[in-house]
Amino acid sequence: MIWFVMILTGLINLIFRISMFSGIRNIHLPLSLNRYVVYVPTSVLSAIIASSLISFNGQEVLYEAEKLVAASIAVIFAYLTKSVSATLVAGLITIWIM
């Protein structure tokens, strides 16, 4: 079963990568759907970041204070500089110092 899941995931990944370079990319979505699709990257990235900062083991919420501090500093840098590079550097330096 695990091999089936791994092969299926690989094929789906391949299809997405090929679709970027094929003519499929020029398909336009209806305006009503496009209005919601714009928020997908932000929501997915937020979920990935939140799950790496806070976890739940069934009884209690677990977190590491160092990660929360580094994320807070990165958010402040992102707001002040509007630069992805500065945000990454600030967050990484904060983690390395702690």
Protein backbone atom coordinates (compact mmCIF):
# COMPACT_ATOMS: atom_id res chain seq x y z
CA MET A 1 0.00 0.00 0.00
CA ILE A 2 2.82 2.40 0.83
CA TRP A 3 4.36 1.85 -2.61
CA PHE A 4 1.07 2.67 -4.26
CA VAL A 5 0.83 5.94 -2.31
CA MET A 6 4.46 6.85 -3.10
CA ILE A 7 4.06 6.14 -6.83
CA LEU A 8 0.73 7.98 -7.00
CA THR A 9 2.22 11.00 -5.20
CA GLY A 10 5.18 10.99 -7.57
CA LEU A 11 2.93 10.85 -10.62
CA ILE A 12 0.78 13.72 -9.34
CA ASN A 13 3.93 15.74 -8.65
CA LEU A 14 5.20 15.00 -12.17
CA ILE A 15 1.90 16.07 -13.71
CA PHE A 16 1.99 19.39 -11.82
CA ARG A 17 5.57 20.06 -12.88
CA ILE A 18 4.90 19.20 -16.52
CA SER A 19 1.75 21.33 -16.56
CA MET A 20 3.81 24.45 -15.77
CA PHE A 21 5.71 24.12 -19.05
CA SER A 22 2.89 22.88 -21.26
CA GLY A 23 0.07 24.87 -22.78
CA ILE A 24 -2.22 24.05 -19.88
CA ARG A 25 -1.00 27.09 -17.98
CA ASN A 26 -2.83 29.48 -20.32
CA ILE A 27 -6.24 28.23 -19.23
CA HIS A 28 -8.17 31.02 -17.54
CA LEU A 29 -10.36 30.27 -14.56
CA PRO A 30 -13.79 31.82 -14.15
CA LEU A 31 -13.71 35.10 -12.25
CA SER A 32 -15.83 33.68 -9.42
CA LEU A 33 -13.29 30.88 -8.85
CA ASN A 34 -10.23 33.05 -9.44
CA ARG A 35 -11.34 35.32 -6.60
CA TYR A 36 -10.77 32.48 -4.12
CA VAL A 37 -7.77 30.78 -5.73
CA VAL A 38 -5.58 33.82 -5.07
CA TYR A 39 -5.62 33.01 -1.35
CA VAL A 40 -4.49 29.39 -1.70
CA PRO A 41 -0.68 29.99 -1.54
CA THR A 42 -0.99 32.22 1.52
CA SER A 43 -3.24 29.80 3.37
CA VAL A 44 -1.08 26.77 2.54
CA LEU A 45 2.11 28.54 3.64
CA SER A 46 0.43 29.72 6.84
CA ALA A 47 -0.66 26.17 7.64
CA ILE A 48 2.85 24.83 7.04
CA ILE A 49 4.40 27.50 9.27
CA ALA A 50 1.80 27.09 12.03
CA SER A 51 2.21 23.31 12.10
CA SER A 52 5.98 23.69 12.46
CA LEU A 53 5.60 26.12 15.38
CA ILE A 54 2.81 24.49 17.38
CA SER A 55 1.74 20.85 17.62
CA PHE A 56 -0.95 18.96 19.51
CA ASN A 57 -0.34 15.48 20.90
CA GLY A 58 -3.94 14.71 21.85
CA GLN A 59 -3.87 16.13 25.35
CA GLU A 60 -1.82 19.32 25.28
CA VAL A 61 -0.43 21.92 22.94
CA LEU A 62 3.34 21.64 22.44
CA TYR A 63 5.63 24.44 21.32
CA GLU A 64 9.23 25.54 21.51
CA ALA A 65 9.75 29.07 22.82
CA GLU A 66 12.82 29.57 20.62
CA LYS A 67 10.84 28.91 17.45
CA LEU A 68 8.06 31.26 18.54
CA VAL A 69 10.55 34.04 19.31
CA ALA A 70 12.32 33.54 15.96
CA ALA A 71 8.98 33.57 14.13
CA SER A 72 7.93 36.75 15.92
CA ILE A 73 11.18 38.48 15.00
CA ALA A 74 10.83 37.29 11.41
CA VAL A 75 7.28 38.68 11.25
CA ILE A 76 8.53 42.05 12.54
CA PHE A 77 11.34 42.08 9.94
CA ALA A 78 8.89 41.12 7.21
CA TYR A 79 6.59 43.97 8.17
CA LEU A 80 9.40 46.53 8.40
CA THR A 81 11.51 45.57 5.39
CA LYS A 82 8.98 43.89 3.05
CA SER A 83 11.90 41.68 1.99
CA VAL A 84 11.79 37.88 1.94
CA SER A 85 15.60 37.64 2.17
CA ALA A 86 15.80 39.91 5.22
CA THR A 87 13.00 37.95 6.86
CA LEU A 88 14.73 34.61 6.31
CA VAL A 89 18.10 35.93 7.50
CA ALA A 90 16.57 37.50 10.63
CA GLY A 91 14.70 34.31 11.52
CA LEU A 92 17.70 32.06 10.92
CA ILE A 93 20.09 34.30 12.89
CA THR A 94 17.62 34.35 15.77
CA ILE A 95 17.44 30.55 15.82
CA TRP A 96 21.22 30.22 15.59
CA ILE A 97 21.74 32.65 18.50
CA MET A 98 19.26 30.80 20.70
